[in-house]
Structures are given as C-alpha cells and as structure tokens.
C-alpha cells in the first residue's frame, strides 16, 4: 500500500519514525539541525511577510486620504460594512501582521539560543 513503512501490526513509535527519517543521526542532533534551518529561514519569511503586509495596506482604499486620518472624511464611512474581496483583504492583512509579529518574536528568541 504505497510508501507506508511496514509495522508488522504494531504502531509506529517516535524512535521508529526517527530511525526511518534519519538513521545515522542521534535525535538531539537531528533536532538541532532542524532548528538551525528554521533560524536561517526566519529572516526570509519576515521579508516576504513585510512585503505582503505593505501590499495589503496599500490595496485598501478606505481612509486613503489625509483628511480621513484626522476625521475630516465623510461620517457615513464610519458605519461601513466590508463585503467580499474587501473583507478578505482586511482579514488577510490582519493575519499577515500577526504572522509577522510572531516570526519576529521567534527570530529574536531563537537567535540567542
């Protein structure tokens, strides 16, 4: 049945799975190699997330004028409900901002380790 490892009727334990994935490395060394790869990839993830955040903010039309920042815009726009693509873009921008903050915190914590 495909590429599933043979278990002879027993469940695969953590040690068995490690032996199949990295048979020549001890588990601690394998973990350290994975962490090193994660630490080296985090700055690139932050760059991509920051570019996506800038694009998401720029694409949002609402409040784009300077008067809107100081309350000089139309008061009816305060009670505006987002729909469709605008709602998706708004939620995606919030998600990207949260991911960027989490990536920055992880990079800060893991860089010192």
N, C-alpha and C. Protein backbone atom coordinates (compact mmCIF):
# COMPACT_ATOMS: atom_id res chain seq x y z
N UNK A 1 0.83 -1.18 0.00
CA UNK A 1 0.00 0.00 0.00
C UNK A 1 0.87 1.24 0.00
N UNK A 2 1.33 1.67 -1.11
CA UNK A 2 2.05 2.92 -1.23
C UNK A 2 3.42 2.89 -0.57
N UNK A 3 3.80 4.01 -0.02
CA UNK A 3 5.11 4.16 0.60
C UNK A 3 5.05 4.08 2.12
N UNK A 4 4.01 3.49 2.68
CA UNK A 4 3.90 3.40 4.13
C UNK A 4 4.90 2.40 4.67
N UNK A 5 5.54 2.71 5.77
CA UNK A 5 6.51 1.77 6.35
C UNK A 5 5.80 0.56 6.95
N UNK A 6 6.49 -0.56 6.92
CA UNK A 6 5.92 -1.78 7.48
C UNK A 6 6.02 -1.73 9.00
N UNK A 7 4.94 -2.10 9.65
CA UNK A 7 4.92 -2.05 11.11
C UNK A 7 4.68 -3.41 11.74
N UNK A 8 4.35 -4.43 10.95
CA UNK A 8 4.07 -5.77 11.46
C UNK A 8 2.98 -5.76 12.53
N UNK A 9 1.95 -4.97 12.32
CA UNK A 9 0.81 -4.96 13.22
C UNK A 9 0.96 -4.08 14.44
N UNK A 10 2.04 -3.38 14.60
CA UNK A 10 2.20 -2.51 15.77
C UNK A 10 2.25 -1.05 15.31
N UNK A 11 2.00 -0.16 16.24
CA UNK A 11 2.01 1.26 15.89
C UNK A 11 3.46 1.75 15.82
N UNK A 12 3.65 2.80 15.02
CA UNK A 12 4.98 3.38 14.86
C UNK A 12 5.24 4.32 16.02
N UNK A 13 6.31 4.07 16.75
CA UNK A 13 6.69 4.93 17.84
C UNK A 13 7.59 6.05 17.36
N UNK A 14 7.91 6.98 18.25
CA UNK A 14 8.76 8.11 17.90
C UNK A 14 10.16 7.64 17.50
N UNK A 15 10.71 6.65 18.21
CA UNK A 15 12.04 6.16 17.89
C UNK A 15 12.07 5.46 16.54
N UNK A 16 11.02 4.69 16.23
CA UNK A 16 10.95 4.00 14.95
C UNK A 16 10.87 5.01 13.81
N UNK A 17 10.08 6.04 13.99
CA UNK A 17 9.94 7.05 12.95
C UNK A 17 11.26 7.78 12.75
N UNK A 18 11.98 8.07 13.84
CA UNK A 18 13.27 8.75 13.72
C UNK A 18 14.28 7.88 12.98
N UNK A 19 14.26 6.56 13.24
CA UNK A 19 15.20 5.66 12.57
C UNK A 19 14.95 5.62 11.07
N UNK A 20 13.68 5.79 10.66
CA UNK A 20 13.37 5.77 9.24
C UNK A 20 13.75 7.08 8.58
N UNK A 21 13.60 8.20 9.27
CA UNK A 21 13.88 9.51 8.69
C UNK A 21 15.37 9.82 8.70
N UNK A 22 16.03 9.67 9.83
CA UNK A 22 17.45 9.99 9.96
C UNK A 22 18.15 8.88 10.73
N UNK A 23 18.51 7.79 10.04
CA UNK A 23 19.07 6.65 10.77
C UNK A 23 20.48 6.88 11.29
N UNK A 24 21.25 7.81 10.72
CA UNK A 24 22.63 7.98 11.13
C UNK A 24 22.85 9.07 12.16
N UNK A 25 21.83 9.83 12.52
CA UNK A 25 21.97 10.92 13.48
C UNK A 25 21.23 10.61 14.77
N UNK A 26 21.79 11.02 15.90
CA UNK A 26 21.02 10.90 17.14
C UNK A 26 19.87 11.90 17.12
N UNK A 27 18.80 11.65 17.88
CA UNK A 27 17.63 12.53 17.86
C UNK A 27 17.94 13.97 18.23
N UNK A 28 18.85 14.22 19.16
CA UNK A 28 19.15 15.59 19.57
C UNK A 28 19.84 16.34 18.44
N UNK A 29 20.77 15.69 17.76
CA UNK A 29 21.48 16.34 16.66
C UNK A 29 20.53 16.66 15.51
N UNK A 30 19.60 15.74 15.24
CA UNK A 30 18.61 15.97 14.19
C UNK A 30 17.74 17.17 14.54
N UNK A 31 17.35 17.30 15.80
CA UNK A 31 16.55 18.44 16.25
C UNK A 31 17.32 19.74 16.09
N UNK A 32 18.60 19.73 16.43
CA UNK A 32 19.42 20.94 16.31
C UNK A 32 19.59 21.35 14.86
N UNK A 33 19.71 20.40 13.97
CA UNK A 33 19.83 20.71 12.54
C UNK A 33 18.54 21.34 12.04
N UNK A 34 17.41 20.82 12.49
CA UNK A 34 16.11 21.39 12.10
C UNK A 34 15.96 22.80 12.65
N UNK A 35 16.38 23.04 13.88
CA UNK A 35 16.28 24.38 14.46
C UNK A 35 17.20 25.36 13.73
N UNK A 36 18.38 24.90 13.34
CA UNK A 36 19.30 25.76 12.61
C UNK A 36 18.70 26.15 11.26
N UNK A 37 18.03 25.21 10.61
CA UNK A 37 17.38 25.51 9.34
C UNK A 37 16.24 26.50 9.54
N UNK A 38 15.50 26.36 10.63
CA UNK A 38 14.41 27.29 10.92
C UNK A 38 14.94 28.70 11.20
N UNK A 39 16.01 28.79 11.97
CA UNK A 39 16.59 30.11 12.29
C UNK A 39 17.12 30.78 11.04
N UNK A 40 17.68 30.01 10.12
CA UNK A 40 18.20 30.62 8.90
C UNK A 40 17.09 31.01 7.93
N UNK A 41 15.91 30.40 8.03
CA UNK A 41 14.80 30.72 7.13
C UNK A 41 13.92 31.85 7.65
N UNK A 42 13.96 32.13 8.95
CA UNK A 42 13.07 33.14 9.53
C UNK A 42 13.27 34.55 8.96
N UNK A 43 14.48 35.03 8.72
CA UNK A 43 14.61 36.39 8.15
C UNK A 43 13.97 36.50 6.76
N UNK A 44 14.08 35.44 5.96
CA UNK A 44 13.45 35.46 4.64
C UNK A 44 11.93 35.47 4.77
N UNK A 45 11.41 34.73 5.74
CA UNK A 45 9.96 34.73 5.97
C UNK A 45 9.50 36.12 6.42
N UNK A 46 10.30 36.79 7.24
CA UNK A 46 9.95 38.15 7.69
C UNK A 46 9.94 39.13 6.52
N UNK A 47 10.88 39.00 5.61
CA UNK A 47 10.92 39.89 4.44
C UNK A 47 9.68 39.68 3.57
N UNK A 48 9.34 38.43 3.32
CA UNK A 48 8.16 38.13 2.50
C UNK A 48 6.89 38.63 3.18
N UNK A 49 6.76 38.38 4.48
CA UNK A 49 5.58 38.83 5.21
C UNK A 49 5.49 40.36 5.25
N UNK A 50 6.61 41.04 5.38
CA UNK A 50 6.56 42.50 5.41
C UNK A 50 6.15 43.08 4.06
N UNK A 51 6.63 42.48 2.97
CA UNK A 51 6.21 42.94 1.64
C UNK A 51 4.72 42.69 1.44
N UNK A 52 4.24 41.51 1.86
CA UNK A 52 2.80 41.22 1.74
C UNK A 52 1.97 42.17 2.59
N UNK A 53 2.48 42.54 3.77
CA UNK A 53 1.76 43.48 4.63
C UNK A 53 1.68 44.86 3.99
N UNK A 54 2.77 45.31 3.39
CA UNK A 54 2.75 46.61 2.71
C UNK A 54 1.76 46.59 1.56
N UNK A 55 1.77 45.53 0.77
CA UNK A 55 0.84 45.42 -0.36
C UNK A 55 -0.60 45.39 0.14
N UNK A 56 -0.86 44.65 1.21
CA UNK A 56 -2.22 44.58 1.76
C UNK A 56 -2.71 45.92 2.27
N UNK A 57 -1.83 46.69 2.88
CA UNK A 57 -2.22 48.00 3.39
C UNK A 57 -2.45 48.98 2.24
N UNK A 58 -1.59 48.95 1.25
CA UNK A 58 -1.72 49.88 0.12
C UNK A 58 -2.97 49.58 -0.69
N UNK A 59 -3.34 48.32 -0.80
CA UNK A 59 -4.52 47.96 -1.60
C UNK A 59 -5.84 48.35 -0.95
N UNK A 60 -5.83 48.63 0.32
CA UNK A 60 -7.08 49.02 0.97
C UNK A 60 -7.37 50.49 0.67
N UNK A 61 -8.51 50.75 0.08
CA UNK A 61 -8.85 52.11 -0.36
C UNK A 61 -9.36 52.99 0.77
N UNK A 62 -10.08 52.41 1.69
CA UNK A 62 -10.75 53.20 2.72
C UNK A 62 -9.75 53.93 3.60
N UNK A 63 -9.97 55.22 3.83
CA UNK A 63 -9.10 56.02 4.69
C UNK A 63 -7.80 56.39 4.01
N UNK A 64 -7.79 56.36 2.69
CA UNK A 64 -6.55 56.64 1.97
C UNK A 64 -6.23 58.13 1.94
N UNK A 65 -7.23 58.97 2.13
CA UNK A 65 -6.98 60.42 2.09
C UNK A 65 -6.44 60.89 3.42
N UNK A 66 -5.74 62.00 3.41
CA UNK A 66 -5.17 62.56 4.63
C UNK A 66 -6.28 63.10 5.54
N UNK A 67 -7.35 63.59 4.94
CA UNK A 67 -8.48 64.09 5.73
C UNK A 67 -9.15 62.99 6.54
N UNK A 68 -9.13 61.77 6.02
CA UNK A 68 -9.72 60.65 6.74
C UNK A 68 -8.96 60.30 8.00
N UNK A 69 -7.67 60.59 8.02
CA UNK A 69 -6.86 60.30 9.20
C UNK A 69 -7.19 61.23 10.35
N UNK A 70 -7.67 62.45 10.04
CA UNK A 70 -7.97 63.43 11.08
C UNK A 70 -9.47 63.64 11.29
N UNK A 71 -10.28 62.77 10.75
CA UNK A 71 -11.71 62.85 10.97
C UNK A 71 -12.45 63.78 10.03
N UNK A 72 -11.84 64.28 9.00
CA UNK A 72 -12.49 65.19 8.08
C UNK A 72 -13.19 64.49 6.94
N UNK A 73 -13.21 63.19 6.97
CA UNK A 73 -13.85 62.43 5.90
C UNK A 73 -15.35 62.36 6.14
N UNK A 74 -16.06 61.73 5.25
CA UNK A 74 -17.50 61.57 5.36
C UNK A 74 -17.83 60.74 6.61
N UNK A 75 -18.78 61.21 7.40
CA UNK A 75 -19.12 60.49 8.63
C UNK A 75 -19.86 59.20 8.35
N UNK A 76 -20.47 59.07 7.19
CA UNK A 76 -21.18 57.84 6.86
C UNK A 76 -20.22 56.67 6.65
N UNK A 77 -18.97 56.97 6.33
CA UNK A 77 -18.00 55.90 6.11
C UNK A 77 -17.60 55.21 7.41
N UNK A 78 -17.94 55.79 8.53
CA UNK A 78 -17.63 55.17 9.81
C UNK A 78 -18.43 53.89 10.01
N UNK A 79 -19.63 53.85 9.51
CA UNK A 79 -20.51 52.71 9.69
C UNK A 79 -20.58 51.87 8.42
N UNK A 80 -19.46 51.69 7.78
CA UNK A 80 -19.39 50.96 6.53
C UNK A 80 -19.09 49.49 6.81
N UNK A 81 -19.81 48.58 6.16
CA UNK A 81 -19.58 47.16 6.34
C UNK A 81 -18.79 46.61 5.16
N UNK A 82 -17.70 45.95 5.47
CA UNK A 82 -16.88 45.36 4.42
C UNK A 82 -17.53 44.10 3.89
N UNK A 83 -17.42 43.91 2.56
CA UNK A 83 -18.01 42.72 1.93
C UNK A 83 -17.07 42.20 0.86
N UNK A 84 -17.14 40.92 0.62
CA UNK A 84 -16.43 40.30 -0.48
C UNK A 84 -14.93 40.41 -0.39
N UNK A 85 -14.32 40.88 -1.48
CA UNK A 85 -12.86 40.95 -1.57
C UNK A 85 -12.28 41.93 -0.56
N UNK A 86 -13.01 43.00 -0.27
CA UNK A 86 -12.50 43.98 0.70
C UNK A 86 -12.41 43.36 2.09
N UNK A 87 -13.39 42.55 2.46
CA UNK A 87 -13.36 41.89 3.76
C UNK A 87 -12.22 40.86 3.80
N UNK A 88 -12.05 40.12 2.70
CA UNK A 88 -10.96 39.15 2.63
C UNK A 88 -9.61 39.85 2.76
N UNK A 89 -9.43 40.96 2.06
CA UNK A 89 -8.17 41.70 2.11
C UNK A 89 -7.91 42.25 3.51
N UNK A 90 -8.95 42.74 4.16
CA UNK A 90 -8.83 43.26 5.53
C UNK A 90 -8.40 42.15 6.49
N UNK A 91 -9.07 41.00 6.43
CA UNK A 91 -8.74 39.88 7.31
C UNK A 91 -7.35 39.31 6.99
N UNK A 92 -7.01 39.25 5.71
CA UNK A 92 -5.69 38.74 5.32
C UNK A 92 -4.59 39.67 5.82
N UNK A 93 -4.83 40.98 5.80
CA UNK A 93 -3.84 41.94 6.29
C UNK A 93 -3.62 41.77 7.79
N UNK A 94 -4.69 41.55 8.52
CA UNK A 94 -4.56 41.31 9.97
C UNK A 94 -3.79 40.02 10.23
N UNK A 95 -4.09 38.96 9.49
CA UNK A 95 -3.40 37.69 9.66
C UNK A 95 -1.91 37.82 9.32
N UNK A 96 -1.59 38.52 8.25
CA UNK A 96 -0.19 38.71 7.87
C UNK A 96 0.55 39.52 8.94
N UNK A 97 -0.11 40.53 9.50
CA UNK A 97 0.52 41.32 10.56
C UNK A 97 0.81 40.46 11.79
N UNK A 98 -0.12 39.60 12.15
CA UNK A 98 0.08 38.71 13.31
C UNK A 98 1.22 37.73 13.03
N UNK A 99 1.25 37.16 11.82
CA UNK A 99 2.33 36.24 11.46
C UNK A 99 3.69 36.93 11.46
N UNK A 100 3.72 38.18 11.02
CA UNK A 100 4.97 38.93 11.01
C UNK A 100 5.48 39.17 12.43
N UNK A 101 4.59 39.52 13.33
CA UNK A 101 4.98 39.73 14.73
C UNK A 101 5.46 38.42 15.35
N UNK A 102 4.77 37.32 15.09
CA UNK A 102 5.19 36.03 15.63
C UNK A 102 6.54 35.59 15.07
N UNK A 103 6.76 35.83 13.78
CA UNK A 103 8.06 35.49 13.17
C UNK A 103 9.18 36.33 13.77
N UNK A 104 8.90 37.61 14.03
CA UNK A 104 9.92 38.47 14.62
C UNK A 104 10.25 38.03 16.05
N UNK A 105 9.24 37.66 16.81
CA UNK A 105 9.47 37.19 18.18
C UNK A 105 10.24 35.87 18.16
N UNK A 106 9.85 34.96 17.27
CA UNK A 106 10.57 33.68 17.17
C UNK A 106 12.01 33.90 16.74
N UNK A 107 12.24 34.81 15.82
CA UNK A 107 13.61 35.09 15.39
C UNK A 107 14.42 35.67 16.54
N UNK A 108 13.82 36.54 17.32
CA UNK A 108 14.51 37.13 18.46
C UNK A 108 14.86 36.09 19.51
N UNK A 109 13.92 35.20 19.79
CA UNK A 109 14.14 34.18 20.83
C UNK A 109 15.11 33.10 20.37
N UNK A 110 15.02 32.70 19.10
CA UNK A 110 15.87 31.61 18.62
C UNK A 110 17.26 32.07 18.22
N UNK A 111 17.43 33.35 17.92
CA UNK A 111 18.76 33.83 17.53
C UNK A 111 19.72 33.83 18.70
N UNK A 112 19.21 34.00 19.90
CA UNK A 112 20.06 33.99 21.07
C UNK A 112 20.39 32.59 21.57
N UNK A 113 19.64 31.60 21.10
CA UNK A 113 19.85 30.23 21.58
C UNK A 113 20.98 29.52 20.89
